[in-house]
N, C-alpha and C. Protein backbone atom coordinates (compact mmCIF):
# COMPACT_ATOMS: atom_id res chain seq x y z
N MET A 1 20.26 -6.19 -70.98
CA MET A 1 19.87 -5.59 -69.72
C MET A 1 20.59 -4.26 -69.56
N ALA A 2 19.88 -3.25 -69.20
CA ALA A 2 20.50 -1.94 -69.00
C ALA A 2 21.29 -1.96 -67.71
N GLY A 3 22.52 -1.50 -67.79
CA GLY A 3 23.37 -1.54 -66.62
C GLY A 3 23.80 -0.18 -66.13
N GLY A 4 23.25 0.90 -66.68
CA GLY A 4 23.68 2.22 -66.25
C GLY A 4 25.11 2.46 -66.66
N TRP A 5 25.96 2.81 -65.71
CA TRP A 5 27.37 3.09 -66.00
C TRP A 5 28.22 1.83 -65.99
N ALA A 6 27.67 0.74 -65.56
CA ALA A 6 28.44 -0.51 -65.46
C ALA A 6 28.55 -1.18 -66.82
N ARG A 7 29.66 -1.85 -67.05
CA ARG A 7 29.84 -2.58 -68.30
C ARG A 7 29.02 -3.86 -68.26
N ASP A 8 28.83 -4.50 -69.41
CA ASP A 8 28.07 -5.74 -69.48
C ASP A 8 28.72 -6.80 -68.60
N GLY A 9 27.91 -7.48 -67.82
CA GLY A 9 28.41 -8.56 -66.96
C GLY A 9 28.93 -8.11 -65.61
N ALA A 10 28.97 -6.79 -65.35
CA ALA A 10 29.52 -6.30 -64.09
C ALA A 10 28.68 -6.74 -62.89
N VAL A 11 27.38 -6.77 -63.06
CA VAL A 11 26.52 -7.17 -61.95
C VAL A 11 26.74 -8.63 -61.62
N SER A 12 26.85 -9.47 -62.63
CA SER A 12 27.11 -10.90 -62.40
C SER A 12 28.46 -11.10 -61.73
N GLU A 13 29.47 -10.36 -62.17
CA GLU A 13 30.80 -10.47 -61.55
C GLU A 13 30.73 -10.06 -60.08
N GLN A 14 29.97 -9.00 -59.80
CA GLN A 14 29.84 -8.52 -58.42
C GLN A 14 29.17 -9.58 -57.54
N ILE A 15 28.13 -10.21 -58.04
CA ILE A 15 27.43 -11.24 -57.29
C ILE A 15 28.35 -12.44 -57.05
N GLU A 16 29.07 -12.87 -58.09
CA GLU A 16 30.00 -13.99 -57.95
C GLU A 16 31.11 -13.68 -56.96
N ALA A 17 31.61 -12.45 -56.98
CA ALA A 17 32.67 -12.05 -56.04
C ALA A 17 32.15 -12.06 -54.61
N SER A 18 30.92 -11.60 -54.41
CA SER A 18 30.33 -11.60 -53.07
C SER A 18 30.15 -13.02 -52.55
N ILE A 19 29.70 -13.91 -53.43
CA ILE A 19 29.52 -15.31 -53.04
C ILE A 19 30.87 -15.93 -52.69
N SER A 20 31.89 -15.67 -53.49
CA SER A 20 33.23 -16.21 -53.22
C SER A 20 33.77 -15.72 -51.89
N ASP A 21 33.57 -14.43 -51.60
CA ASP A 21 34.02 -13.87 -50.32
C ASP A 21 33.34 -14.56 -49.15
N GLU A 22 32.04 -14.77 -49.26
CA GLU A 22 31.30 -15.40 -48.17
C GLU A 22 31.72 -16.86 -47.99
N LEU A 23 31.95 -17.57 -49.09
CA LEU A 23 32.41 -18.96 -48.99
C LEU A 23 33.77 -19.04 -48.30
N GLU A 24 34.67 -18.14 -48.64
CA GLU A 24 35.99 -18.12 -47.99
C GLU A 24 35.85 -17.84 -46.50
N ARG A 25 34.96 -16.91 -46.15
CA ARG A 25 34.75 -16.60 -44.73
C ARG A 25 34.20 -17.81 -43.99
N MET A 26 33.27 -18.53 -44.62
CA MET A 26 32.71 -19.71 -43.98
C MET A 26 33.74 -20.82 -43.85
N LYS A 27 34.58 -21.01 -44.85
CA LYS A 27 35.62 -22.04 -44.78
C LYS A 27 36.60 -21.76 -43.65
N SER A 28 36.86 -20.49 -43.39
CA SER A 28 37.81 -20.15 -42.33
C SER A 28 37.24 -20.44 -40.94
N ARG A 29 35.93 -20.59 -40.82
CA ARG A 29 35.29 -20.88 -39.54
C ARG A 29 35.02 -22.36 -39.33
N ARG A 30 35.47 -23.21 -40.25
CA ARG A 30 35.22 -24.65 -40.12
C ARG A 30 35.91 -25.22 -38.90
N ALA A 31 35.50 -26.41 -38.55
CA ALA A 31 36.12 -27.12 -37.43
C ALA A 31 37.58 -27.41 -37.76
N PRO A 32 38.43 -27.42 -36.76
CA PRO A 32 39.85 -27.69 -36.99
C PRO A 32 40.07 -29.09 -37.54
N VAL A 33 41.13 -29.24 -38.31
CA VAL A 33 41.50 -30.54 -38.86
C VAL A 33 42.99 -30.76 -38.60
N GLY A 34 43.41 -32.01 -38.74
CA GLY A 34 44.82 -32.32 -38.54
C GLY A 34 45.10 -32.71 -37.11
N GLU A 35 46.37 -32.68 -36.76
CA GLU A 35 46.80 -33.08 -35.43
C GLU A 35 46.53 -31.97 -34.42
N SER A 36 46.05 -32.36 -33.25
CA SER A 36 45.80 -31.38 -32.19
C SER A 36 47.11 -30.86 -31.63
N PHE A 37 47.09 -29.58 -31.23
CA PHE A 37 48.24 -28.99 -30.56
C PHE A 37 48.22 -29.42 -29.09
N THR A 38 49.37 -29.55 -28.48
CA THR A 38 49.43 -29.84 -27.05
C THR A 38 49.33 -28.56 -26.25
N HIS A 39 49.70 -27.42 -26.86
CA HIS A 39 49.62 -26.12 -26.20
C HIS A 39 48.86 -25.15 -27.11
N CYS A 40 48.14 -24.24 -26.49
CA CYS A 40 47.31 -23.27 -27.20
C CYS A 40 48.15 -22.41 -28.14
N ALA A 41 47.64 -22.18 -29.35
CA ALA A 41 48.34 -21.38 -30.34
C ALA A 41 48.34 -19.89 -29.99
N GLU A 42 47.44 -19.45 -29.12
CA GLU A 42 47.37 -18.04 -28.76
C GLU A 42 48.07 -17.72 -27.45
N CYS A 43 47.75 -18.45 -26.40
CA CYS A 43 48.29 -18.10 -25.07
C CYS A 43 49.41 -19.03 -24.59
N GLY A 44 49.56 -20.18 -25.21
CA GLY A 44 50.63 -21.10 -24.83
C GLY A 44 50.29 -22.05 -23.70
N GLU A 45 49.08 -21.94 -23.14
CA GLU A 45 48.68 -22.86 -22.06
C GLU A 45 48.51 -24.27 -22.61
N GLU A 46 48.70 -25.25 -21.75
CA GLU A 46 48.53 -26.64 -22.16
C GLU A 46 47.05 -26.93 -22.42
N ILE A 47 46.77 -27.64 -23.51
CA ILE A 47 45.40 -28.06 -23.82
C ILE A 47 45.19 -29.43 -23.19
N PRO A 48 44.16 -29.58 -22.35
CA PRO A 48 43.93 -30.86 -21.68
C PRO A 48 43.74 -32.01 -22.68
N GLU A 49 44.21 -33.18 -22.28
CA GLU A 49 44.11 -34.38 -23.12
C GLU A 49 42.67 -34.67 -23.51
N ALA A 50 41.74 -34.50 -22.57
CA ALA A 50 40.33 -34.78 -22.86
C ALA A 50 39.82 -33.88 -23.99
N ARG A 51 40.23 -32.61 -24.01
CA ARG A 51 39.81 -31.70 -25.09
C ARG A 51 40.43 -32.12 -26.42
N ARG A 52 41.68 -32.53 -26.41
CA ARG A 52 42.34 -32.96 -27.65
C ARG A 52 41.68 -34.20 -28.23
N ARG A 53 41.20 -35.09 -27.36
CA ARG A 53 40.49 -36.29 -27.86
C ARG A 53 39.09 -35.94 -28.34
N ALA A 54 38.42 -35.02 -27.64
CA ALA A 54 37.04 -34.67 -27.98
C ALA A 54 36.95 -33.84 -29.27
N VAL A 55 37.96 -32.98 -29.51
CA VAL A 55 37.94 -32.10 -30.68
C VAL A 55 39.23 -32.33 -31.47
N PRO A 56 39.24 -33.31 -32.38
CA PRO A 56 40.45 -33.57 -33.16
C PRO A 56 40.88 -32.33 -33.95
N GLY A 57 42.16 -32.03 -33.88
CA GLY A 57 42.69 -30.88 -34.61
C GLY A 57 42.58 -29.57 -33.86
N VAL A 58 42.25 -29.63 -32.57
CA VAL A 58 42.07 -28.41 -31.79
C VAL A 58 43.40 -27.65 -31.68
N LYS A 59 43.32 -26.33 -31.79
CA LYS A 59 44.51 -25.49 -31.75
C LYS A 59 44.48 -24.48 -30.60
N LEU A 60 43.29 -24.28 -30.00
CA LEU A 60 43.14 -23.29 -28.94
C LEU A 60 42.62 -23.92 -27.66
N CYS A 61 43.02 -23.34 -26.53
CA CYS A 61 42.49 -23.79 -25.24
C CYS A 61 41.04 -23.32 -25.13
N ILE A 62 40.34 -23.77 -24.13
CA ILE A 62 38.92 -23.44 -23.96
C ILE A 62 38.72 -21.94 -23.78
N ASP A 63 39.56 -21.29 -22.98
CA ASP A 63 39.41 -19.85 -22.74
C ASP A 63 39.58 -19.04 -24.03
N CYS A 64 40.61 -19.34 -24.81
CA CYS A 64 40.84 -18.60 -26.05
C CYS A 64 39.74 -18.87 -27.07
N GLN A 65 39.28 -20.12 -27.16
CA GLN A 65 38.20 -20.43 -28.10
C GLN A 65 36.91 -19.75 -27.69
N THR A 66 36.64 -19.69 -26.39
CA THR A 66 35.45 -19.00 -25.90
C THR A 66 35.50 -17.52 -26.25
N GLY A 67 36.67 -16.91 -26.10
CA GLY A 67 36.84 -15.51 -26.46
C GLY A 67 36.58 -15.27 -27.94
N ARG A 68 37.08 -16.15 -28.79
CA ARG A 68 36.84 -16.01 -30.23
C ARG A 68 35.37 -16.18 -30.56
N ASP A 69 34.72 -17.15 -29.91
CA ASP A 69 33.31 -17.38 -30.18
C ASP A 69 32.46 -16.18 -29.78
N ARG A 70 32.81 -15.53 -28.67
CA ARG A 70 32.06 -14.36 -28.22
C ARG A 70 32.29 -13.17 -29.14
N ALA A 71 33.49 -13.06 -29.69
CA ALA A 71 33.82 -11.93 -30.56
C ALA A 71 33.21 -12.06 -31.94
N TYR A 72 32.79 -13.26 -32.33
CA TYR A 72 32.25 -13.48 -33.67
C TYR A 72 30.89 -12.80 -33.80
N ARG A 73 30.77 -11.99 -34.83
CA ARG A 73 29.51 -11.34 -35.14
C ARG A 73 29.17 -11.66 -36.60
N PRO A 74 28.01 -12.28 -36.84
CA PRO A 74 27.65 -12.58 -38.22
C PRO A 74 27.53 -11.30 -39.04
N ARG A 75 27.97 -11.38 -40.28
CA ARG A 75 27.88 -10.21 -41.16
C ARG A 75 26.47 -10.06 -41.69
N GLY A 76 26.13 -8.83 -42.01
CA GLY A 76 24.84 -8.56 -42.64
C GLY A 76 24.88 -8.97 -44.10
N GLY A 77 23.75 -8.98 -44.74
CA GLY A 77 23.67 -9.39 -46.13
C GLY A 77 23.89 -8.26 -47.11
N ILE A 78 24.55 -7.20 -46.71
CA ILE A 78 24.76 -6.05 -47.59
C ILE A 78 26.03 -6.24 -48.39
N ASN A 79 25.96 -5.97 -49.66
CA ASN A 79 27.11 -6.08 -50.54
C ASN A 79 27.96 -4.82 -50.39
N ARG A 80 29.10 -4.93 -49.74
CA ARG A 80 29.97 -3.77 -49.53
C ARG A 80 31.21 -3.80 -50.42
N ARG A 81 31.27 -4.73 -51.33
CA ARG A 81 32.47 -4.90 -52.13
C ARG A 81 32.62 -3.84 -53.21
N GLY A 82 31.55 -3.49 -53.87
CA GLY A 82 31.62 -2.61 -55.02
C GLY A 82 31.45 -1.15 -54.65
N SER A 83 31.59 -0.29 -55.63
CA SER A 83 31.38 1.13 -55.41
C SER A 83 29.89 1.42 -55.33
N LYS A 84 29.57 2.65 -54.98
CA LYS A 84 28.19 3.04 -54.83
C LYS A 84 27.41 2.83 -56.13
N ASP A 85 28.03 3.11 -57.27
CA ASP A 85 27.35 2.97 -58.56
C ASP A 85 27.06 1.53 -58.93
N SER A 86 27.82 0.58 -58.34
CA SER A 86 27.64 -0.82 -58.74
C SER A 86 26.64 -1.58 -57.88
N GLN A 87 26.08 -0.92 -56.86
CA GLN A 87 25.14 -1.58 -55.97
C GLN A 87 23.82 -1.83 -56.70
N LEU A 88 23.22 -2.98 -56.43
CA LEU A 88 21.91 -3.27 -57.00
C LEU A 88 20.86 -2.44 -56.31
N LYS A 89 19.92 -1.93 -57.08
CA LYS A 89 18.88 -1.07 -56.48
C LYS A 89 17.54 -1.71 -56.60
């Protein structure tokens, strides 16, 4: 396969790296695991007992979690990892 200025296998490496990056990003957004905190990891407010029972492994109070959820913006499907020459056309 003609690769232009890229070495053999560079396109496959780029695709694999992009997939790995996305998997890591998704893993970081998983539901909390482990023991629940009694106080919020961000603001220090007490986390209600009902929330700790409902969401095992919770680390944030409702207000801080709501703020994080609002700030989350899904990424586009554009590969921004490589240089301009390595982008698929």
